[in-house]
PDB file of N, CA and C in Angstrom:
ATOM      1  N   MET A   1     165.525 -82.261 -20.208  1.00  0.00           N
ATOM      2  CA  MET A   1     164.103 -81.997 -20.166  1.00  0.00           C
ATOM      3  C   MET A   1     163.785 -80.885 -21.175  1.00  0.00           C
ATOM      4  N   PRO A   2     162.789 -81.107 -22.082  1.00  0.00           N
ATOM      5  CA  PRO A   2     162.447 -80.074 -23.068  1.00  0.00           C
ATOM      6  C   PRO A   2     161.804 -78.876 -22.394  1.00  0.00           C
ATOM      7  N   PRO A   3     161.919 -77.693 -23.000  1.00  0.00           N
ATOM      8  CA  PRO A   3     161.319 -76.494 -22.393  1.00  0.00           C
ATOM      9  C   PRO A   3     159.799 -76.595 -22.370  1.00  0.00           C
ATOM     10  N   ARG A   4     159.229 -76.020 -21.325  1.00  0.00           N
ATOM     11  CA  ARG A   4     157.777 -76.011 -21.184  1.00  0.00           C
ATOM     12  C   ARG A   4     157.166 -75.059 -22.211  1.00  0.00           C
ATOM     13  N   PRO A   5     156.048 -75.433 -22.837  1.00  0.00           N
ATOM     14  CA  PRO A   5     155.438 -74.542 -23.829  1.00  0.00           C
ATOM     15  C   PRO A   5     154.999 -73.215 -23.206  1.00  0.00           C
ATOM     16  N   ASN A   6     155.188 -72.163 -23.944  1.00  0.00           N
ATOM     17  CA  ASN A   6     154.791 -70.835 -23.520  1.00  0.00           C
ATOM     18  C   ASN A   6     153.258 -70.758 -23.473  1.00  0.00           C
ATOM     19  N   ILE A   7     152.697 -70.087 -22.476  1.00  0.00           N
ATOM     20  CA  ILE A   7     151.244 -69.993 -22.332  1.00  0.00           C
ATOM     21  C   ILE A   7     150.620 -69.278 -23.525  1.00  0.00           C
ATOM     22  N   ARG A   8     151.346 -68.318 -24.094  1.00  0.00           N
ATOM     23  CA  ARG A   8     150.804 -67.613 -25.265  1.00  0.00           C
ATOM     24  C   ARG A   8     150.676 -68.554 -26.451  1.00  0.00           C
ATOM     25  N   VAL A   9     151.635 -69.446 -26.606  1.00  0.00           N
ATOM     26  CA  VAL A   9     151.587 -70.423 -27.696  1.00  0.00           C
ATOM     27  C   VAL A   9     150.413 -71.365 -27.485  1.00  0.00           C
ATOM     28  N   LEU A  10     150.214 -71.823 -26.258  1.00  0.00           N
ATOM     29  CA  LEU A  10     149.094 -72.714 -25.970  1.00  0.00           C
ATOM     30  C   LEU A  10     147.756 -72.022 -26.225  1.00  0.00           C
ATOM     31  N   ARG A  11     147.657 -70.756 -25.858  1.00  0.00           N
ATOM     32  CA  ARG A  11     146.430 -69.993 -26.085  1.00  0.00           C
ATOM     33  C   ARG A  11     146.170 -69.829 -27.583  1.00  0.00           C
ATOM     34  N   ASP A  12     147.232 -69.603 -28.339  1.00  0.00           N
ATOM     35  CA  ASP A  12     147.085 -69.445 -29.785  1.00  0.00           C
ATOM     36  C   ASP A  12     146.645 -70.763 -30.426  1.00  0.00           C
ATOM     37  N   ILE A  13     147.187 -71.868 -29.962  1.00  0.00           N
ATOM     38  CA  ILE A  13     146.781 -73.179 -30.487  1.00  0.00           C
ATOM     39  C   ILE A  13     145.300 -73.412 -30.186  1.00  0.00           C
ATOM     40  N   LYS A  14     144.879 -73.064 -28.979  1.00  0.00           N
ATOM     41  CA  LYS A  14     143.474 -73.220 -28.594  1.00  0.00           C
ATOM     42  C   LYS A  14     142.573 -72.347 -29.466  1.00  0.00           C
ATOM     43  N   ALA A  15     143.007 -71.120 -29.734  1.00  0.00           N
ATOM     44  CA  ALA A  15     142.218 -70.211 -30.568  1.00  0.00           C
ATOM     45  C   ALA A  15     142.119 -70.734 -31.994  1.00  0.00           C
ATOM     46  N   ARG A  16     143.224 -71.223 -32.537  1.00  0.00           N
ATOM     47  CA  ARG A  16     143.199 -71.766 -33.900  1.00  0.00           C
ATOM     48  C   ARG A  16     142.246 -72.952 -34.001  1.00  0.00           C
ATOM     49  N   GLN A  17     142.274 -73.825 -33.011  1.00  0.00           N
ATOM     50  CA  GLN A  17     141.389 -74.993 -33.025  1.00  0.00           C
ATOM     51  C   GLN A  17     139.933 -74.575 -32.886  1.00  0.00           C
ATOM     52  N   GLY A  18     139.662 -73.584 -32.047  1.00  0.00           N
ATOM     53  CA  GLY A  18     138.292 -73.099 -31.879  1.00  0.00           C
ATOM     54  C   GLY A  18     137.746 -72.468 -33.148  1.00  0.00           C
ATOM     55  N   VAL A  19     138.582 -71.755 -33.872  1.00  0.00           N
ATOM     56  CA  VAL A  19     138.158 -71.137 -35.128  1.00  0.00           C
ATOM     57  C   VAL A  19     137.828 -72.216 -36.155  1.00  0.00           C
ATOM     58  N   VAL A  20     138.680 -73.228 -36.243  1.00  0.00           N
ATOM     59  CA  VAL A  20     138.449 -74.306 -37.209  1.00  0.00           C
ATOM     60  C   VAL A  20     137.155 -75.058 -36.879  1.00  0.00           C
ATOM     61  N   ASP A  21     136.937 -75.332 -35.598  1.00  0.00           N
ATOM     62  CA  ASP A  21     135.763 -76.103 -35.188  1.00  0.00           C
ATOM     63  C   ASP A  21     134.449 -75.369 -35.458  1.00  0.00           C
ATOM     64  N   ASN A  22     134.443 -74.053 -35.352  1.00  0.00           N
ATOM     65  CA  ASN A  22     133.190 -73.286 -35.453  1.00  0.00           C
ATOM     66  C   ASN A  22     133.075 -72.437 -36.704  1.00  0.00           C
ATOM     67  N   GLU A  23     133.973 -72.605 -37.646  1.00  0.00           N
ATOM     68  CA  GLU A  23     134.011 -71.712 -38.814  1.00  0.00           C
ATOM     69  C   GLU A  23     132.731 -71.768 -39.642  1.00  0.00           C
ATOM     70  N   ILE A  24     132.233 -72.951 -39.929  1.00  0.00           N
ATOM     71  CA  ILE A  24     131.060 -73.084 -40.804  1.00  0.00           C
ATOM     72  C   ILE A  24     129.825 -72.453 -40.161  1.00  0.00           C
ATOM     73  N   ALA A  25     129.604 -72.737 -38.888  1.00  0.00           N
ATOM     74  CA  ALA A  25     128.432 -72.176 -38.202  1.00  0.00           C
ATOM     75  C   ALA A  25     128.534 -70.657 -38.107  1.00  0.00           C
ATOM     76  N   ARG A  26     129.719 -70.147 -37.790  1.00  0.00           N
ATOM     77  CA  ARG A  26     129.893 -68.684 -37.696  1.00  0.00           C
ATOM     78  C   ARG A  26     129.631 -68.013 -39.034  1.00  0.00           C
ATOM     79  N   ARG A  27     130.151 -68.587 -40.103  1.00  0.00           N
ATOM     80  CA  ARG A  27     129.931 -67.999 -41.430  1.00  0.00           C
ATOM     81  C   ARG A  27     128.463 -68.012 -41.817  1.00  0.00           C
ATOM     82  N   ALA A  28     127.759 -69.080 -41.472  1.00  0.00           N
ATOM     83  CA  ALA A  28     126.333 -69.164 -41.785  1.00  0.00           C
ATOM     84  C   ALA A  28     125.552 -68.082 -41.037  1.00  0.00           C
ATOM     85  N   TYR A  29     125.824 -67.937 -39.739  1.00  0.00           N
ATOM     86  CA  TYR A  29     125.135 -66.901 -38.961  1.00  0.00           C
ATOM     87  C   TYR A  29     125.499 -65.503 -39.446  1.00  0.00           C
ATOM     88  N   LEU A  30     126.762 -65.299 -39.809  1.00  0.00           N
ATOM     89  CA  LEU A  30     127.170 -63.991 -40.336  1.00  0.00           C
ATOM     90  C   LEU A  30     126.442 -63.669 -41.639  1.00  0.00           C
ATOM     91  N   TYR A  31     126.312 -64.673 -42.509  1.00  0.00           N
ATOM     92  CA  TYR A  31     125.624 -64.456 -43.773  1.00  0.00           C
ATOM     93  C   TYR A  31     124.177 -64.048 -43.528  1.00  0.00           C
ATOM     94  N   VAL A  32     123.516 -64.746 -42.616  1.00  0.00           N
ATOM     95  CA  VAL A  32     122.113 -64.428 -42.317  1.00  0.00           C
ATOM     96  C   VAL A  32     122.006 -63.049 -41.671  1.00  0.00           C
ATOM     97  N   ALA A  33     122.897 -62.739 -40.740  1.00  0.00           N
ATOM     98  CA  ALA A  33     122.822 -61.463 -40.019  1.00  0.00           C
ATOM     99  C   ALA A  33     123.081 -60.278 -40.939  1.00  0.00           C
ATOM    100  N   ARG A  34     123.875 -60.462 -41.979  1.00  0.00           N
ATOM    101  CA  ARG A  34     124.219 -59.348 -42.868  1.00  0.00           C
ATOM    102  C   ARG A  34     123.341 -59.271 -44.115  1.00  0.00           C
ATOM    103  N   ASN A  35     122.491 -60.256 -44.324  1.00  0.00           N
ATOM    104  CA  ASN A  35     121.649 -60.291 -45.518  1.00  0.00           C
ATOM    105  C   ASN A  35     120.471 -59.327 -45.349  1.00  0.00           C
ATOM    106  N   GLN A  36     120.490 -58.243 -46.098  1.00  0.00           N
ATOM    107  CA  GLN A  36     119.474 -57.195 -45.978  1.00  0.00           C
ATOM    108  C   GLN A  36     118.105 -57.626 -46.488  1.00  0.00           C
ATOM    109  N   THR A  37     118.037 -58.693 -47.302  1.00  0.00           N
ATOM    110  CA  THR A  37     116.751 -59.114 -47.866  1.00  0.00           C
ATOM    111  C   THR A  37     115.930 -59.938 -46.885  1.00  0.00           C
ATOM    112  N   LEU A  38     116.550 -60.421 -45.823  1.00  0.00           N
ATOM    113  CA  LEU A  38     115.830 -61.221 -44.837  1.00  0.00           C
ATOM    114  C   LEU A  38     115.106 -60.311 -43.836  1.00  0.00           C
ATOM    115  N   PRO A  39     114.063 -60.830 -43.187  1.00  0.00           N
ATOM    116  CA  PRO A  39     113.349 -60.026 -42.180  1.00  0.00           C
ATOM    117  C   PRO A  39     114.266 -59.668 -41.005  1.00  0.00           C
ATOM    118  N   ALA A  40     113.966 -58.561 -40.382  1.00  0.00           N
ATOM    119  CA  ALA A  40     114.793 -58.068 -39.283  1.00  0.00           C
ATOM    120  C   ALA A  40     114.823 -59.052 -38.112  1.00  0.00           C
ATOM    121  N   GLN A  41     113.707 -59.722 -37.846  1.00  0.00           N
ATOM    122  CA  GLN A  41     113.646 -60.668 -36.728  1.00  0.00           C
ATOM    123  C   GLN A  41     114.612 -61.832 -36.931  1.00  0.00           C
ATOM    124  N   VAL A  42     114.705 -62.337 -38.152  1.00  0.00           N
ATOM    125  CA  VAL A  42     115.604 -63.454 -38.461  1.00  0.00           C
ATOM    126  C   VAL A  42     117.052 -62.999 -38.317  1.00  0.00           C
ATOM    127  N   ARG A  43     117.328 -61.827 -38.826  1.00  0.00           N
ATOM    128  CA  ARG A  43     118.687 -61.302 -38.739  1.00  0.00           C
ATOM    129  C   ARG A  43     119.083 -61.056 -37.282  1.00  0.00           C
ATOM    130  N   TYR A  44     118.145 -60.584 -36.490  1.00  0.00           N
ATOM    131  CA  TYR A  44     118.405 -60.335 -35.065  1.00  0.00           C
ATOM    132  C   TYR A  44     118.717 -61.641 -34.337  1.00  0.00           C
ATOM    133  N   ARG A  45     117.957 -62.703 -34.643  1.00  0.00           N
ATOM    134  CA  ARG A  45     118.225 -63.997 -34.001  1.00  0.00           C
ATOM    135  C   ARG A  45     119.584 -64.556 -34.402  1.00  0.00           C
ATOM    136  N   ALA A  46     119.952 -64.348 -35.643  1.00  0.00           N
ATOM    137  CA  ALA A  46     121.275 -64.799 -36.081  1.00  0.00           C
ATOM    138  C   ALA A  46     122.369 -64.034 -35.340  1.00  0.00           C
ATOM    139  N   GLN A  47     122.152 -62.751 -35.115  1.00  0.00           N
ATOM    140  CA  GLN A  47     123.134 -61.954 -34.382  1.00  0.00           C
ATOM    141  C   GLN A  47     123.227 -62.428 -32.925  1.00  0.00           C
ATOM    142  N   LEU A  48     122.115 -62.773 -32.332  1.00  0.00           N
ATOM    143  CA  LEU A  48     122.137 -63.306 -30.971  1.00  0.00           C
ATOM    144  C   LEU A  48     122.912 -64.623 -30.912  1.00  0.00           C
ATOM    145  N   GLN A  49     122.744 -65.463 -31.921  1.00  0.00           N
ATOM    146  CA  GLN A  49     123.486 -66.721 -31.965  1.00  0.00           C
ATOM    147  C   GLN A  49     124.985 -66.468 -32.107  1.00  0.00           C
ATOM    148  N   LEU A  50     125.342 -65.460 -32.881  1.00  0.00           N
ATOM    149  CA  LEU A  50     126.758 -65.103 -33.017  1.00  0.00           C
ATOM    150  C   LEU A  50     127.339 -64.665 -31.680  1.00  0.00           C
ATOM    151  N   ASN A  51     126.528 -63.974 -30.889  1.00  0.00           N
ATOM    152  CA  ASN A  51     127.002 -63.490 -29.599  1.00  0.00           C
ATOM    153  C   ASN A  51     127.224 -64.617 -28.592  1.00  0.00           C
ATOM    154  N   THR A  52     126.628 -65.775 -28.826  1.00  0.00           N
ATOM    155  CA  THR A  52     126.797 -66.886 -27.888  1.00  0.00           C
ATOM    156  C   THR A  52     128.111 -67.629 -28.092  1.00  0.00           C
ATOM    157  N   PHE A  53     128.768 -67.436 -29.224  1.00  0.00           N
ATOM    158  CA  PHE A  53     130.044 -68.097 -29.461  1.00  0.00           C
ATOM    159  C   PHE A  53     131.093 -67.551 -28.501  1.00  0.00           C
ATOM    160  N   GLY A  54     132.025 -68.395 -28.115  1.00  0.00           N
ATOM    161  CA  GLY A  54     133.066 -68.002 -27.178  1.00  0.00           C
ATOM    162  C   GLY A  54     134.134 -67.121 -27.807  1.00  0.00           C
ATOM    163  N   ARG A  55     135.047 -66.686 -26.977  1.00  0.00           N
ATOM    164  CA  ARG A  55     136.116 -65.784 -27.405  1.00  0.00           C
ATOM    165  C   ARG A  55     137.024 -66.434 -28.450  1.00  0.00           C
ATOM    166  N   TYR A  56     137.363 -67.687 -28.227  1.00  0.00           N
ATOM    167  CA  TYR A  56     138.339 -68.331 -29.094  1.00  0.00           C
ATOM    168  C   TYR A  56     137.739 -68.936 -30.346  1.00  0.00           C
ATOM    169  N   THR A  57     136.537 -68.512 -30.711  1.00  0.00           N
ATOM    170  CA  THR A  57     135.957 -68.956 -31.971  1.00  0.00           C
ATOM    171  C   THR A  57     136.051 -67.864 -33.026  1.00  0.00           C
ATOM    172  N   ARG A  58     136.511 -66.689 -32.628  1.00  0.00           N
ATOM    173  CA  ARG A  58     136.641 -65.576 -33.575  1.00  0.00           C
ATOM    174  C   ARG A  58     137.972 -65.649 -34.303  1.00  0.00           C
ATOM    175  N   PRO A  59     137.963 -65.485 -35.618  1.00  0.00           N
ATOM    176  CA  PRO A  59     139.228 -65.536 -36.366  1.00  0.00           C
ATOM    177  C   PRO A  59     140.196 -64.423 -35.980  1.00  0.00           C
ATOM    178  N   THR A  60     139.700 -63.327 -35.443  1.00  0.00           N
ATOM    179  CA  THR A  60     140.596 -62.222 -35.097  1.00  0.00           C
ATOM    180  C   THR A  60     141.431 -62.508 -33.858  1.00  0.00           C
ATOM    181  N   THR A  61     141.088 -63.543 -33.092  1.00  0.00           N
ATOM    182  CA  THR A  61     141.891 -63.870 -31.913  1.00  0.00           C
ATOM    183  C   THR A  61     143.147 -64.653 -32.266  1.00  0.00           C
ATOM    184  N   VAL A  62     143.207 -65.172 -33.501  1.00  0.00           N
ATOM    185  CA  VAL A  62     144.377 -65.938 -33.925  1.00  0.00           C
ATOM    186  C   VAL A  62     145.481 -64.972 -34.326  1.00  0.00           C
ATOM    187  N   LYS A  63     146.657 -65.195 -33.785  1.00  0.00           N
ATOM    188  CA  LYS A  63     147.802 -64.346 -34.087  1.00  0.00           C
ATOM    189  C   LYS A  63     148.996 -65.242 -34.358  1.00  0.00           C
ATOM    190  N   ASN A  64     149.783 -64.895 -35.361  1.00  0.00           N
ATOM    191  CA  ASN A  64     150.992 -65.663 -35.616  1.00  0.00           C
ATOM    192  C   ASN A  64     151.964 -65.455 -34.466  1.00  0.00           C
ATOM    193  N   ARG A  65     152.391 -66.546 -33.872  1.00  0.00           N
ATOM    194  CA  ARG A  65     153.342 -66.489 -32.771  1.00  0.00           C
ATOM    195  C   ARG A  65     154.460 -67.472 -33.025  1.00  0.00           C
ATOM    196  N   CYS A  66     155.625 -67.140 -32.503  1.00  0.00           N
ATOM    197  CA  CYS A  66     156.767 -68.048 -32.575  1.00  0.00           C
ATOM    198  C   CYS A  66     156.430 -69.286 -31.752  1.00  0.00           C
ATOM    199  N   THR A  67     156.620 -70.457 -32.340  1.00  0.00           N
ATOM    200  CA  THR A  67     156.267 -71.687 -31.644  1.00  0.00           C
ATOM    201  C   THR A  67     157.260 -72.026 -30.537  1.00  0.00           C
ATOM    202  N   VAL A  68     158.418 -71.387 -30.539  1.00  0.00           N
ATOM    203  CA  VAL A  68     159.437 -71.666 -29.524  1.00  0.00           C
ATOM    204  C   VAL A  68     159.321 -70.695 -28.352  1.00  0.00           C
ATOM    205  N   THR A  69     159.277 -69.391 -28.666  1.00  0.00           N
ATOM    206  CA  THR A  69     159.336 -68.377 -27.611  1.00  0.00           C
ATOM    207  C   THR A  69     157.995 -67.733 -27.297  1.00  0.00           C
ATOM    208  N   GLY A  70     157.024 -67.800 -28.211  1.00  0.00           N
ATOM    209  CA  GLY A  70     155.736 -67.154 -28.005  1.00  0.00           C
ATOM    210  C   GLY A  70     155.725 -65.706 -28.453  1.00  0.00           C
ATOM    211  N   ARG A  71     156.816 -65.241 -29.045  1.00  0.00           N
ATOM    212  CA  ARG A  71     156.903 -63.854 -29.502  1.00  0.00           C
ATOM    213  C   ARG A  71     155.887 -63.619 -30.620  1.00  0.00           C
ATOM    214  N   GLY A  72     155.212 -62.468 -30.562  1.00  0.00           N
ATOM    215  CA  GLY A  72     154.160 -62.168 -31.523  1.00  0.00           C
ATOM    216  C   GLY A  72     154.576 -61.238 -32.643  1.00  0.00           C
ATOM    217  N   ARG A  73     155.815 -60.771 -32.611  1.00  0.00           N
ATOM    218  CA  ARG A  73     156.266 -59.851 -33.658  1.00  0.00           C
ATOM    219  C   ARG A  73     157.482 -60.442 -34.356  1.00  0.00           C
ATOM    220  N   GLY A  74     157.632 -60.099 -35.616  1.00  0.00           N
ATOM    221  CA  GLY A  74     158.775 -60.585 -36.377  1.00  0.00           C
ATOM    222  C   GLY A  74     158.699 -62.071 -36.649  1.00  0.00           C
ATOM    223  N   VAL A  75     157.489 -62.591 -36.850  1.00  0.00           N
ATOM    224  CA  VAL A  75     157.316 -64.027 -37.057  1.00  0.00           C
ATOM    225  C   VAL A  75     157.337 -64.321 -38.552  1.00  0.00           C
ATOM    226  N   ILE A  76     158.147 -65.285 -38.933  1.00  0.00           N
ATOM    227  CA  ILE A  76     158.187 -65.763 -40.311  1.00  0.00           C
ATOM    228  C   ILE A  76     157.168 -66.897 -40.386  1.00  0.00           C
ATOM    229  N   GLY A  77     156.030 -66.600 -40.995  1.00  0.00           N
ATOM    230  CA  GLY A  77     154.878 -67.491 -40.953  1.00  0.00           C
ATOM    231  C   GLY A  77     155.117 -68.865 -41.536  1.00  0.00           C
ATOM    232  N   GLU A  78     155.927 -68.956 -42.570  1.00  0.00           N
ATOM    233  CA  GLU A  78     156.160 -70.236 -43.221  1.00  0.00           C
ATOM    234  C   GLU A  78     156.821 -71.239 -42.276  1.00  0.00           C
ATOM    235  N   PHE A  79     157.615 -70.746 -41.362  1.00  0.00           N
ATOM    236  CA  PHE A  79     158.327 -71.609 -40.428  1.00  0.00           C
ATOM    237  C   PHE A  79     157.744 -71.558 -39.015  1.00  0.00           C
ATOM    238  N   GLY A  80     156.922 -70.552 -38.724  1.00  0.00           N
ATOM    239  CA  GLY A  80     156.350 -70.415 -37.395  1.00  0.00           C
ATOM    240  C   GLY A  80     157.368 -70.009 -36.348  1.00  0.00           C
ATOM    241  N   LEU A  81     158.419 -69.308 -36.776  1.00  0.00           N
ATOM    242  CA  LEU A  81     159.480 -68.895 -35.871  1.00  0.00           C
ATOM    243  C   LEU A  81     159.686 -67.396 -35.951  1.00  0.00           C
ATOM    244  N   CYS A  82     160.079 -66.788 -34.816  1.00  0.00           N
ATOM    245  CA  CYS A  82     160.438 -65.375 -34.854  1.00  0.00           C
ATOM    246  C   CYS A  82     161.799 -65.255 -35.547  1.00  0.00           C
ATOM    247  N   ARG A  83     162.143 -64.069 -35.927  1.00  0.00           N
ATOM    248  CA  ARG A  83     163.339 -63.882 -36.740  1.00  0.00           C
ATOM    249  C   ARG A  83     164.606 -64.363 -36.035  1.00  0.00           C
ATOM    250  N   TYR A  84     164.675 -64.186 -34.723  1.00  0.00           N
ATOM    251  CA  TYR A  84     165.870 -64.614 -34.009  1.00  0.00           C
ATOM    252  C   TYR A  84     165.967 -66.146 -33.965  1.00  0.00           C
ATOM    253  N   GLN A  85     164.865 -66.802 -33.633  1.00  0.00           N
ATOM    254  CA  GLN A  85     164.878 -68.261 -33.596  1.00  0.00           C
ATOM    255  C   GLN A  85     165.110 -68.845 -34.978  1.00  0.00           C
ATOM    256  N   PHE A  86     164.583 -68.172 -36.009  1.00  0.00           N
ATOM    257  CA  PHE A  86     164.845 -68.603 -37.384  1.00  0.00           C
ATOM    258  C   PHE A  86     166.333 -68.569 -37.664  1.00  0.00           C
ATOM    259  N   ARG A  87     166.992 -67.496 -37.263  1.00  0.00           N
ATOM    260  CA  ARG A  87     168.427 -67.363 -37.486  1.00  0.00           C
ATOM    261  C   ARG A  87     169.214 -68.430 -36.722  1.00  0.00           C
ATOM    262  N   VAL A  88     168.847 -68.642 -35.453  1.00  0.00           N
ATOM    263  CA  VAL A  88     169.544 -69.630 -34.628  1.00  0.00           C
ATOM    264  C   VAL A  88     169.411 -71.028 -35.235  1.00  0.00           C
ATOM    265  N   LYS A  89     168.194 -71.394 -35.618  1.00  0.00           N
ATOM    266  CA  LYS A  89     167.967 -72.732 -36.159  1.00  0.00           C
ATOM    267  C   LYS A  89     168.588 -72.892 -37.547  1.00  0.00           C
ATOM    268  N   ALA A  90     168.580 -71.828 -38.345  1.00  0.00           N
ATOM    269  CA  ALA A  90     169.184 -71.907 -39.669  1.00  0.00           C
ATOM    270  C   ALA A  90     170.699 -72.085 -39.557  1.00  0.00           C
ATOM    271  N   LEU A  91     171.330 -71.341 -38.657  1.00  0.00           N
ATOM    272  CA  LEU A  91     172.773 -71.464 -38.486  1.00  0.00           C
ATOM    273  C   LEU A  91     173.161 -72.828 -37.915  1.00  0.00           C
ATOM    274  N   ALA A  92     172.271 -73.416 -37.117  1.00  0.00           N
ATOM    275  CA  ALA A  92     172.541 -74.742 -36.554  1.00  0.00           C
ATOM    276  C   ALA A  92     172.231 -75.860 -37.550  1.00  0.00           C
ATOM    277  N   GLY A  93     171.643 -75.492 -38.709  1.00  0.00           N
ATOM    278  CA  GLY A  93     171.328 -76.494 -39.723  1.00  0.00           C
ATOM    279  C   GLY A  93     170.068 -77.285 -39.433  1.00  0.00           C
ATOM    280  N   GLU A  94     169.187 -76.749 -38.608  1.00  0.00           N
ATOM    281  CA  GLU A  94     167.963 -77.458 -38.234  1.00  0.00           C
ATOM    282  C   GLU A  94     166.809 -77.202 -39.209  1.00  0.00           C
ATOM    283  N   LEU A  95     166.981 -76.264 -40.125  1.00  0.00           N
ATOM    284  CA  LEU A  95     165.947 -75.977 -41.118  1.00  0.00           C
ATOM    285  C   LEU A  95     166.423 -76.488 -42.474  1.00  0.00           C
ATOM    286  N   PRO A  96     165.788 -77.529 -43.005  1.00  0.00           N
ATOM    287  CA  PRO A  96     166.262 -78.089 -44.269  1.00  0.00           C
ATOM    288  C   PRO A  96     166.073 -77.109 -45.428  1.00  0.00           C
ATOM    289  N   GLY A  97     167.100 -76.981 -46.232  1.00  0.00           N
ATOM    290  CA  GLY A  97     167.041 -76.111 -47.407  1.00  0.00           C
ATOM    291  C   GLY A  97     167.358 -74.675 -47.134  1.00  0.00           C
ATOM    292  N   ILE A  98     167.707 -74.325 -45.913  1.00  0.00           N
ATOM    293  CA  ILE A  98     168.035 -72.944 -45.549  1.00  0.00           C
ATOM    294  C   ILE A  98     169.512 -72.871 -45.231  1.00  0.00           C
ATOM    295  N   GLN A  99     170.186 -71.917 -45.853  1.00  0.00           N
ATOM    296  CA  GLN A  99     171.597 -71.707 -45.518  1.00  0.00           C
ATOM    297  C   GLN A  99     171.894 -70.223 -45.583  1.00  0.00           C
ATOM    298  N   LYS A 100     172.930 -69.831 -44.888  1.00  0.00           N
ATOM    299  CA  LYS A 100     173.315 -68.431 -44.834  1.00  0.00           C
ATOM    300  C   LYS A 100     173.806 -67.992 -46.209  1.00  0.00           C
ATOM    301  N   ALA A 101     173.334 -66.835 -46.627  1.00  0.00           N
ATOM    302  CA  ALA A 101     173.725 -66.327 -47.954  1.00  0.00           C
ATOM    303  C   ALA A 101     175.136 -65.803 -47.922  1.00  0.00           C
ATOM    304  N   SER A 102     175.860 -66.049 -48.993  1.00  0.00           N
ATOM    305  CA  SER A 102     177.188 -65.448 -49.173  1.00  0.00           C
ATOM    306  C   SER A 102     177.442 -65.318 -50.654  1.00  0.00           C
ATOM    307  N   TRP A 103     177.906 -64.142 -51.053  1.00  0.00           N
ATOM    308  CA  TRP A 103     178.217 -63.889 -52.464  1.00  0.00           C
ATOM    309  C   TRP A 103     179.328 -62.916 -52.617  1.00  0.00           C
TER     310      TRP A 103
END
């Protein structure tokens, strides 16, 4: 039986999907809210619309996490693995093109 996904990994996947789904609308509202040439009332309404977005639509909620363990530190982003899991998988030959250095 494969290991059950870590809740932190599932939360991160949900956050990434929420950011992708709402990115265009958030950027549009941010542009309007920060544009000093527009009337204050328009900018205020744009800010209110930004406040209605959920937690997982903010890009700052996305964090690189190890896809195996859910660890949030020491993650090698290209592989999505923490340094320990990267080492384990590399030594087992599960990462194509990666081998232990020796000279």
